[in-house]
Amino acid sequence: MDPKTQRKIDAILARVMEPETLRSVSDLNLVKRIRYSSGSNLFELFMDVATPRSSCFVCGVVTATIQRTLERELKEAFEQDFPGCRVIFS
């Protein structure tokens, strides 16, 4: 990946905040890998959001909500910085 693209990606990960801790996705290492296909302008983000350790139903709902929020905010940030790109999550 070229350095300019990598810097833009790093900036996105630094500015998108996890809503519970208000720390960046980068600080929390919530994105474990990004695959970029320049030919199709596609970003595939591999998230690392752990499932709750307990069997608490509410904990599962909260975790799923946080993950959806992060995915939405990351998608919006990538689309803003890389117009016309596609973003998928694995």
PDB file of N, CA and C in Angstrom:
ATOM      1  N   MET A   1       0.854  -1.170   0.000  1.00  0.00           N
ATOM      2  CA  MET A   1       0.000   0.000   0.000  1.00  0.00           C
ATOM      3  C   MET A   1       0.901   1.235   0.000  1.00  0.00           C
ATOM      4  N   ASP A   2       0.517   2.234  -0.789  1.00  0.00           N
ATOM      5  CA  ASP A   2       1.374   3.416  -0.859  1.00  0.00           C
ATOM      6  C   ASP A   2       1.276   4.228   0.438  1.00  0.00           C
ATOM      7  N   PRO A   3       2.328   4.960   0.778  1.00  0.00           N
ATOM      8  CA  PRO A   3       2.376   5.689   2.056  1.00  0.00           C
ATOM      9  C   PRO A   3       1.252   6.713   2.236  1.00  0.00           C
ATOM     10  N   LYS A   4       0.832   7.369   1.166  1.00  0.00           N
ATOM     11  CA  LYS A   4      -0.238   8.372   1.278  1.00  0.00           C
ATOM     12  C   LYS A   4      -1.550   7.698   1.701  1.00  0.00           C
ATOM     13  N   THR A   5      -1.864   6.574   1.082  1.00  0.00           N
ATOM     14  CA  THR A   5      -3.077   5.833   1.444  1.00  0.00           C
ATOM     15  C   THR A   5      -2.982   5.346   2.888  1.00  0.00           C
ATOM     16  N   GLN A   6      -1.837   4.841   3.277  1.00  0.00           N
ATOM     17  CA  GLN A   6      -1.649   4.353   4.646  1.00  0.00           C
ATOM     18  C   GLN A   6      -1.829   5.479   5.663  1.00  0.00           C
ATOM     19  N   ARG A   7      -1.326   6.657   5.357  1.00  0.00           N
ATOM     20  CA  ARG A   7      -1.488   7.800   6.278  1.00  0.00           C
ATOM     21  C   ARG A   7      -2.964   8.180   6.411  1.00  0.00           C
ATOM     22  N   LYS A   8      -3.699   8.148   5.305  1.00  0.00           N
ATOM     23  CA  LYS A   8      -5.121   8.472   5.366  1.00  0.00           C
ATOM     24  C   LYS A   8      -5.888   7.445   6.206  1.00  0.00           C
ATOM     25  N   ILE A   9      -5.531   6.173   6.025  1.00  0.00           N
ATOM     26  CA  ILE A   9      -6.175   5.116   6.804  1.00  0.00           C
ATOM     27  C   ILE A   9      -5.856   5.283   8.287  1.00  0.00           C
ATOM     28  N   ASP A  10      -4.593   5.548   8.597  1.00  0.00           N
ATOM     29  CA  ASP A  10      -4.194   5.749   9.991  1.00  0.00           C
ATOM     30  C   ASP A  10      -4.953   6.920  10.615  1.00  0.00           C
ATOM     31  N   ALA A  11      -5.152   7.979   9.845  1.00  0.00           N
ATOM     32  CA  ALA A  11      -5.886   9.151  10.345  1.00  0.00           C
ATOM     33  C   ALA A  11      -7.350   8.809  10.621  1.00  0.00           C
ATOM     34  N   ILE A  12      -7.950   7.999   9.761  1.00  0.00           N
ATOM     35  CA  ILE A  12      -9.338   7.579   9.979  1.00  0.00           C
ATOM     36  C   ILE A  12      -9.438   6.777  11.273  1.00  0.00           C
ATOM     37  N   LEU A  13      -8.557   5.803  11.436  1.00  0.00           N
ATOM     38  CA  LEU A  13      -8.598   4.963  12.630  1.00  0.00           C
ATOM     39  C   LEU A  13      -8.323   5.762  13.900  1.00  0.00           C
ATOM     40  N   ALA A  14      -7.584   6.832  13.787  1.00  0.00           N
ATOM     41  CA  ALA A  14      -7.289   7.673  14.953  1.00  0.00           C
ATOM     42  C   ALA A  14      -8.455   8.586  15.314  1.00  0.00           C
ATOM     43  N   ARG A  15      -9.297   8.938  14.343  1.00  0.00           N
ATOM     44  CA  ARG A  15     -10.386   9.884  14.652  1.00  0.00           C
ATOM     45  C   ARG A  15     -11.733   9.229  14.941  1.00  0.00           C
ATOM     46  N   VAL A  16     -11.931   7.972  14.531  1.00  0.00           N
ATOM     47  CA  VAL A  16     -13.189   7.286  14.843  1.00  0.00           C
ATOM     48  C   VAL A  16     -13.090   6.759  16.272  1.00  0.00           C
ATOM     49  N   MET A  17     -14.052   7.168  17.094  1.00  0.00           N
ATOM     50  CA  MET A  17     -14.021   6.844  18.520  1.00  0.00           C
ATOM     51  C   MET A  17     -15.002   5.741  18.883  1.00  0.00           C
ATOM     52  N   GLU A  18     -14.564   4.874  19.768  1.00  0.00           N
ATOM     53  CA  GLU A  18     -15.436   3.852  20.338  1.00  0.00           C
ATOM     54  C   GLU A  18     -16.346   4.574  21.325  1.00  0.00           C
ATOM     55  N   PRO A  19     -17.676   4.404  21.223  1.00  0.00           N
ATOM     56  CA  PRO A  19     -18.598   5.238  22.003  1.00  0.00           C
ATOM     57  C   PRO A  19     -18.593   5.023  23.513  1.00  0.00           C
ATOM     58  N   GLU A  20     -18.192   3.881  24.002  1.00  0.00           N
ATOM     59  CA  GLU A  20     -18.203   3.630  25.444  1.00  0.00           C
ATOM     60  C   GLU A  20     -16.989   4.239  26.140  1.00  0.00           C
ATOM     61  N   THR A  21     -15.826   4.109  25.531  1.00  0.00           N
ATOM     62  CA  THR A  21     -14.588   4.568  26.176  1.00  0.00           C
ATOM     63  C   THR A  21     -14.129   5.934  25.667  1.00  0.00           C
ATOM     64  N   LEU A  22     -14.678   6.349  24.525  1.00  0.00           N
ATOM     65  CA  LEU A  22     -14.275   7.584  23.846  1.00  0.00           C
ATOM     66  C   LEU A  22     -12.785   7.569  23.479  1.00  0.00           C
ATOM     67  N   ARG A  23     -12.278   6.365  23.241  1.00  0.00           N
ATOM     68  CA  ARG A  23     -10.904   6.193  22.753  1.00  0.00           C
ATOM     69  C   ARG A  23     -10.984   5.807  21.282  1.00  0.00           C
ATOM     70  N   SER A  24      -9.921   6.099  20.563  1.00  0.00           N
ATOM     71  CA  SER A  24      -9.953   5.835  19.128  1.00  0.00           C
ATOM     72  C   SER A  24      -9.901   4.343  18.827  1.00  0.00           C
ATOM     73  N   VAL A  25     -10.433   4.009  17.667  1.00  0.00           N
ATOM     74  CA  VAL A  25     -10.382   2.637  17.173  1.00  0.00           C
ATOM     75  C   VAL A  25      -8.931   2.176  17.096  1.00  0.00           C
ATOM     76  N   SER A  26      -8.053   3.091  16.733  1.00  0.00           N
ATOM     77  CA  SER A  26      -6.625   2.791  16.648  1.00  0.00           C
ATOM     78  C   SER A  26      -6.051   2.462  18.027  1.00  0.00           C
ATOM     79  N   ASP A  27      -6.353   3.296  19.023  1.00  0.00           N
ATOM     80  CA  ASP A  27      -5.845   3.064  20.380  1.00  0.00           C
ATOM     81  C   ASP A  27      -6.305   1.717  20.947  1.00  0.00           C
ATOM     82  N   LEU A  28      -7.525   1.328  20.595  1.00  0.00           N
ATOM     83  CA  LEU A  28      -8.089   0.088  21.131  1.00  0.00           C
ATOM     84  C   LEU A  28      -7.803  -1.127  20.253  1.00  0.00           C
ATOM     85  N   ASN A  29      -7.130  -0.916  19.130  1.00  0.00           N
ATOM     86  CA  ASN A  29      -6.808  -2.019  18.202  1.00  0.00           C
ATOM     87  C   ASN A  29      -8.041  -2.811  17.788  1.00  0.00           C
ATOM     88  N   LEU A  30      -9.115  -2.110  17.470  1.00  0.00           N
ATOM     89  CA  LEU A  30     -10.365  -2.779  17.105  1.00  0.00           C
ATOM     90  C   LEU A  30     -10.402  -3.206  15.638  1.00  0.00           C
ATOM     91  N   VAL A  31      -9.526  -2.638  14.824  1.00  0.00           N
ATOM     92  CA  VAL A  31      -9.405  -3.076  13.434  1.00  0.00           C
ATOM     93  C   VAL A  31      -8.091  -3.833  13.348  1.00  0.00           C
ATOM     94  N   LYS A  32      -8.183  -5.146  13.151  1.00  0.00           N
ATOM     95  CA  LYS A  32      -6.959  -5.949  13.185  1.00  0.00           C
ATOM     96  C   LYS A  32      -6.248  -6.011  11.843  1.00  0.00           C
ATOM     97  N   ARG A  33      -6.997  -5.761  10.749  1.00  0.00           N
ATOM     98  CA  ARG A  33      -6.369  -5.808   9.428  1.00  0.00           C
ATOM     99  C   ARG A  33      -7.262  -5.084   8.435  1.00  0.00           C
ATOM    100  N   ILE A  34      -6.635  -4.488   7.429  1.00  0.00           N
ATOM    101  CA  ILE A  34      -7.371  -3.848   6.338  1.00  0.00           C
ATOM    102  C   ILE A  34      -6.790  -4.349   5.035  1.00  0.00           C
ATOM    103  N   ARG A  35      -7.675  -4.799   4.181  1.00  0.00           N
ATOM    104  CA  ARG A  35      -7.271  -5.223   2.836  1.00  0.00           C
ATOM    105  C   ARG A  35      -7.812  -4.173   1.864  1.00  0.00           C
ATOM    106  N   TYR A  36      -6.950  -3.677   0.985  1.00  0.00           N
ATOM    107  CA  TYR A  36      -7.354  -2.637   0.034  1.00  0.00           C
ATOM    108  C   TYR A  36      -7.086  -3.109  -1.379  1.00  0.00           C
ATOM    109  N   SER A  37      -8.098  -2.992  -2.211  1.00  0.00           N
ATOM    110  CA  SER A  37      -7.965  -3.306  -3.630  1.00  0.00           C
ATOM    111  C   SER A  37      -8.123  -2.002  -4.396  1.00  0.00           C
ATOM    112  N   SER A  38      -7.005  -1.475  -4.884  1.00  0.00           N
ATOM    113  CA  SER A  38      -7.056  -0.183  -5.577  1.00  0.00           C
ATOM    114  C   SER A  38      -7.829  -0.283  -6.894  1.00  0.00           C
ATOM    115  N   GLY A  39      -7.778  -1.432  -7.549  1.00  0.00           N
ATOM    116  CA  GLY A  39      -8.481  -1.601  -8.822  1.00  0.00           C
ATOM    117  C   GLY A  39      -9.984  -1.457  -8.687  1.00  0.00           C
ATOM    118  N   SER A  40     -10.536  -1.988  -7.606  1.00  0.00           N
ATOM    119  CA  SER A  40     -11.979  -1.889  -7.386  1.00  0.00           C
ATOM    120  C   SER A  40     -12.334  -0.862  -6.313  1.00  0.00           C
ATOM    121  N   ASN A  41     -11.331  -0.151  -5.792  1.00  0.00           N
ATOM    122  CA  ASN A  41     -11.525   0.858  -4.747  1.00  0.00           C
ATOM    123  C   ASN A  41     -12.331   0.285  -3.578  1.00  0.00           C
ATOM    124  N   LEU A  42     -11.903  -0.901  -3.129  1.00  0.00           N
ATOM    125  CA  LEU A  42     -12.594  -1.630  -2.074  1.00  0.00           C
ATOM    126  C   LEU A  42     -11.699  -1.766  -0.846  1.00  0.00           C
ATOM    127  N   PHE A  43     -12.270  -1.445   0.296  1.00  0.00           N
ATOM    128  CA  PHE A  43     -11.611  -1.653   1.582  1.00  0.00           C
ATOM    129  C   PHE A  43     -12.355  -2.756   2.313  1.00  0.00           C
ATOM    130  N   GLU A  44     -11.619  -3.754   2.778  1.00  0.00           N
ATOM    131  CA  GLU A  44     -12.202  -4.790   3.619  1.00  0.00           C
ATOM    132  C   GLU A  44     -11.561  -4.670   4.992  1.00  0.00           C
ATOM    133  N   LEU A  45     -12.386  -4.388   5.992  1.00  0.00           N
ATOM    134  CA  LEU A  45     -11.898  -4.195   7.353  1.00  0.00           C
ATOM    135  C   LEU A  45     -12.216  -5.422   8.187  1.00  0.00           C
ATOM    136  N   PHE A  46     -11.202  -5.927   8.865  1.00  0.00           N
ATOM    137  CA  PHE A  46     -11.360  -7.066   9.751  1.00  0.00           C
ATOM    138  C   PHE A  46     -11.376  -6.531  11.182  1.00  0.00           C
ATOM    139  N   MET A  47     -12.547  -6.595  11.801  1.00  0.00           N
ATOM    140  CA  MET A  47     -12.737  -6.045  13.136  1.00  0.00           C
ATOM    141  C   MET A  47     -12.381  -7.080  14.207  1.00  0.00           C
ATOM    142  N   ASP A  48     -12.016  -6.565  15.373  1.00  0.00           N
ATOM    143  CA  ASP A  48     -11.699  -7.417  16.510  1.00  0.00           C
ATOM    144  C   ASP A  48     -12.512  -6.941  17.710  1.00  0.00           C
ATOM    145  N   VAL A  49     -13.821  -7.196  17.648  1.00  0.00           N
ATOM    146  CA  VAL A  49     -14.717  -6.837  18.747  1.00  0.00           C
ATOM    147  C   VAL A  49     -15.097  -8.135  19.444  1.00  0.00           C
ATOM    148  N   ALA A  50     -14.670  -8.282  20.675  1.00  0.00           N
ATOM    149  CA  ALA A  50     -14.887  -9.524  21.419  1.00  0.00           C
ATOM    150  C   ALA A  50     -16.342  -9.656  21.862  1.00  0.00           C
ATOM    151  N   THR A  51     -16.796 -10.889  21.930  1.00  0.00           N
ATOM    152  CA  THR A  51     -18.127 -11.137  22.466  1.00  0.00           C
ATOM    153  C   THR A  51     -18.047 -11.078  23.993  1.00  0.00           C
ATOM    154  N   PRO A  52     -19.147 -10.717  24.629  1.00  0.00           N
ATOM    155  CA  PRO A  52     -19.138 -10.636  26.100  1.00  0.00           C
ATOM    156  C   PRO A  52     -18.779 -11.981  26.727  1.00  0.00           C
ATOM    157  N   ARG A  53     -18.090 -11.925  27.849  1.00  0.00           N
ATOM    158  CA  ARG A  53     -17.671 -13.141  28.550  1.00  0.00           C
ATOM    159  C   ARG A  53     -18.814 -13.799  29.303  1.00  0.00           C
ATOM    160  N   SER A  54     -19.805 -13.019  29.673  1.00  0.00           N
ATOM    161  CA  SER A  54     -20.934 -13.580  30.423  1.00  0.00           C
ATOM    162  C   SER A  54     -22.066 -13.921  29.455  1.00  0.00           C
ATOM    163  N   SER A  55     -23.067 -14.572  29.972  1.00  0.00           N
ATOM    164  CA  SER A  55     -24.229 -14.929  29.159  1.00  0.00           C
ATOM    165  C   SER A  55     -25.322 -13.866  29.263  1.00  0.00           C
ATOM    166  N   CYS A  56     -24.970 -12.713  29.742  1.00  0.00           N
ATOM    167  CA  CYS A  56     -25.916 -11.612  29.921  1.00  0.00           C
ATOM    168  C   CYS A  56     -26.459 -11.157  28.566  1.00  0.00           C
ATOM    169  N   PHE A  57     -27.768 -11.206  28.405  1.00  0.00           N
ATOM    170  CA  PHE A  57     -28.403 -10.810  27.154  1.00  0.00           C
ATOM    171  C   PHE A  57     -28.138  -9.340  26.834  1.00  0.00           C
ATOM    172  N   VAL A  58     -28.256  -8.499  27.833  1.00  0.00           N
ATOM    173  CA  VAL A  58     -28.059  -7.059  27.640  1.00  0.00           C
ATOM    174  C   VAL A  58     -26.633  -6.756  27.181  1.00  0.00           C
ATOM    175  N   CYS A  59     -25.666  -7.459  27.748  1.00  0.00           N
ATOM    176  CA  CYS A  59     -24.264  -7.261  27.348  1.00  0.00           C
ATOM    177  C   CYS A  59     -24.086  -7.566  25.859  1.00  0.00           C
ATOM    178  N   GLY A  60     -24.716  -8.616  25.384  1.00  0.00           N
ATOM    179  CA  GLY A  60     -24.650  -8.974  23.973  1.00  0.00           C
ATOM    180  C   GLY A  60     -25.272  -7.914  23.088  1.00  0.00           C
ATOM    181  N   VAL A  61     -26.396  -7.362  23.519  1.00  0.00           N
ATOM    182  CA  VAL A  61     -27.063  -6.312  22.756  1.00  0.00           C
ATOM    183  C   VAL A  61     -26.199  -5.059  22.701  1.00  0.00           C
ATOM    184  N   VAL A  62     -25.616  -4.690  23.826  1.00  0.00           N
ATOM    185  CA  VAL A  62     -24.755  -3.511  23.887  1.00  0.00           C
ATOM    186  C   VAL A  62     -23.542  -3.694  22.972  1.00  0.00           C
ATOM    187  N   THR A  63     -22.913  -4.851  23.027  1.00  0.00           N
ATOM    188  CA  THR A  63     -21.742  -5.117  22.190  1.00  0.00           C
ATOM    189  C   THR A  63     -22.107  -5.056  20.710  1.00  0.00           C
ATOM    190  N   ALA A  64     -23.230  -5.660  20.337  1.00  0.00           N
ATOM    191  CA  ALA A  64     -23.667  -5.636  18.935  1.00  0.00           C
ATOM    192  C   ALA A  64     -23.971  -4.210  18.485  1.00  0.00           C
ATOM    193  N   THR A  65     -24.568  -3.423  19.360  1.00  0.00           N
ATOM    194  CA  THR A  65     -24.874  -2.035  19.027  1.00  0.00           C
ATOM    195  C   THR A  65     -23.596  -1.227  18.830  1.00  0.00           C
ATOM    196  N   ILE A  66     -22.632  -1.423  19.696  1.00  0.00           N
ATOM    197  CA  ILE A  66     -21.351  -0.722  19.566  1.00  0.00           C
ATOM    198  C   ILE A  66     -20.666  -1.124  18.268  1.00  0.00           C
ATOM    199  N   GLN A  67     -20.684  -2.408  17.940  1.00  0.00           N
ATOM    200  CA  GLN A  67     -20.041  -2.856  16.708  1.00  0.00           C
ATOM    201  C   GLN A  67     -20.711  -2.239  15.482  1.00  0.00           C
ATOM    202  N   ARG A  68     -22.037  -2.222  15.447  1.00  0.00           N
ATOM    203  CA  ARG A  68     -22.746  -1.601  14.309  1.00  0.00           C
ATOM    204  C   ARG A  68     -22.422  -0.113  14.212  1.00  0.00           C
ATOM    205  N   THR A  69     -22.345   0.560  15.344  1.00  0.00           N
ATOM    206  CA  THR A  69     -21.999   1.984  15.361  1.00  0.00           C
ATOM    207  C   THR A  69     -20.595   2.204  14.810  1.00  0.00           C
ATOM    208  N   LEU A  70     -19.648   1.407  15.247  1.00  0.00           N
ATOM    209  CA  LEU A  70     -18.276   1.527  14.758  1.00  0.00           C
ATOM    210  C   LEU A  70     -18.208   1.266  13.259  1.00  0.00           C
ATOM    211  N   GLU A  71     -18.896   0.247  12.800  1.00  0.00           N
ATOM    212  CA  GLU A  71     -18.887  -0.062  11.373  1.00  0.00           C
ATOM    213  C   GLU A  71     -19.479   1.087  10.563  1.00  0.00           C
ATOM    214  N   ARG A  72     -20.581   1.649  11.034  1.00  0.00           N
ATOM    215  CA  ARG A  72     -21.208   2.773  10.333  1.00  0.00           C
ATOM    216  C   ARG A  72     -20.267   3.975  10.290  1.00  0.00           C
ATOM    217  N   GLU A  73     -19.656   4.304  11.423  1.00  0.00           N
ATOM    218  CA  GLU A  73     -18.767   5.467  11.478  1.00  0.00           C
ATOM    219  C   GLU A  73     -17.494   5.259  10.662  1.00  0.00           C
ATOM    220  N   LEU A  74     -16.954   4.056  10.681  1.00  0.00           N
ATOM    221  CA  LEU A  74     -15.774   3.766   9.867  1.00  0.00           C
ATOM    222  C   LEU A  74     -16.119   3.848   8.381  1.00  0.00           C
ATOM    223  N   LYS A  75     -17.255   3.282   7.999  1.00  0.00           N
ATOM    224  CA  LYS A  75     -17.688   3.332   6.595  1.00  0.00           C
ATOM    225  C   LYS A  75     -17.832   4.783   6.142  1.00  0.00           C
ATOM    226  N   GLU A  76     -18.482   5.605   6.947  1.00  0.00           N
ATOM    227  CA  GLU A  76     -18.658   7.024   6.603  1.00  0.00           C
ATOM    228  C   GLU A  76     -17.312   7.732   6.487  1.00  0.00           C
ATOM    229  N   ALA A  77     -16.393   7.447   7.388  1.00  0.00           N
ATOM    230  CA  ALA A  77     -15.078   8.093   7.361  1.00  0.00           C
ATOM    231  C   ALA A  77     -14.284   7.676   6.125  1.00  0.00           C
ATOM    232  N   PHE A  78     -14.309   6.393   5.784  1.00  0.00           N
ATOM    233  CA  PHE A  78     -13.604   5.929   4.584  1.00  0.00           C
ATOM    234  C   PHE A  78     -14.219   6.548   3.334  1.00  0.00           C
ATOM    235  N   GLU A  79     -15.549   6.606   3.273  1.00  0.00           N
ATOM    236  CA  GLU A  79     -16.208   7.186   2.104  1.00  0.00           C
ATOM    237  C   GLU A  79     -15.924   8.681   1.986  1.00  0.00           C
ATOM    238  N   GLN A  80     -15.740   9.343   3.096  1.00  0.00           N
ATOM    239  CA  GLN A  80     -15.406  10.771   3.083  1.00  0.00           C
ATOM    240  C   GLN A  80     -13.985  10.990   2.570  1.00  0.00           C
ATOM    241  N   ASP A  81     -13.044  10.195   3.048  1.00  0.00           N
ATOM    242  CA  ASP A  81     -11.638  10.379   2.690  1.00  0.00           C
ATOM    243  C   ASP A  81     -11.246   9.711   1.372  1.00  0.00           C
ATOM    244  N   PHE A  82     -12.019   8.713   0.972  1.00  0.00           N
ATOM    245  CA  PHE A  82     -11.776   7.991  -0.282  1.00  0.00           C
ATOM    246  C   PHE A  82     -13.085   7.971  -1.076  1.00  0.00           C
ATOM    247  N   PRO A  83     -13.457   9.097  -1.695  1.00  0.00           N
ATOM    248  CA  PRO A  83     -14.734   9.186  -2.409  1.00  0.00           C
ATOM    249  C   PRO A  83     -14.890   8.056  -3.438  1.00  0.00           C
ATOM    250  N   GLY A  84     -16.097   7.470  -3.446  1.00  0.00           N
ATOM    251  CA  GLY A  84     -16.402   6.410  -4.398  1.00  0.00           C
ATOM    252  C   GLY A  84     -15.941   5.029  -3.969  1.00  0.00           C
ATOM    253  N   CYS A  85     -15.337   4.915  -2.790  1.00  0.00           N
ATOM    254  CA  CYS A  85     -14.855   3.610  -2.345  1.00  0.00           C
ATOM    255  C   CYS A  85     -16.021   2.771  -1.818  1.00  0.00           C
ATOM    256  N   ARG A  86     -15.771   1.478  -1.727  1.00  0.00           N
ATOM    257  CA  ARG A  86     -16.700   0.554  -1.077  1.00  0.00           C
ATOM    258  C   ARG A  86     -15.991   0.036   0.167  1.00  0.00           C
ATOM    259  N   VAL A  87     -16.787  -0.182   1.230  1.00  0.00           N
ATOM    260  CA  VAL A  87     -16.244  -0.680   2.492  1.00  0.00           C
ATOM    261  C   VAL A  87     -17.073  -1.873   2.930  1.00  0.00           C
ATOM    262  N   ILE A  88     -16.382  -2.970   3.208  1.00  0.00           N
ATOM    263  CA  ILE A  88     -17.057  -4.141   3.757  1.00  0.00           C
ATOM    264  C   ILE A  88     -16.326  -4.581   5.023  1.00  0.00           C
ATOM    265  N   PHE A  89     -17.041  -5.314   5.871  1.00  0.00           N
ATOM    266  CA  PHE A  89     -16.485  -5.755   7.141  1.00  0.00           C
ATOM    267  C   PHE A  89     -16.484  -7.282   7.204  1.00  0.00           C
ATOM    268  N   SER A  90     -15.401  -7.822   7.714  1.00  0.00           N
ATOM    269  CA  SER A  90     -15.274  -9.278   7.874  1.00  0.00           C
ATOM    270  C   SER A  90     -14.935  -9.598   9.316  1.00  0.00           C
TER     271      SER A  90
END
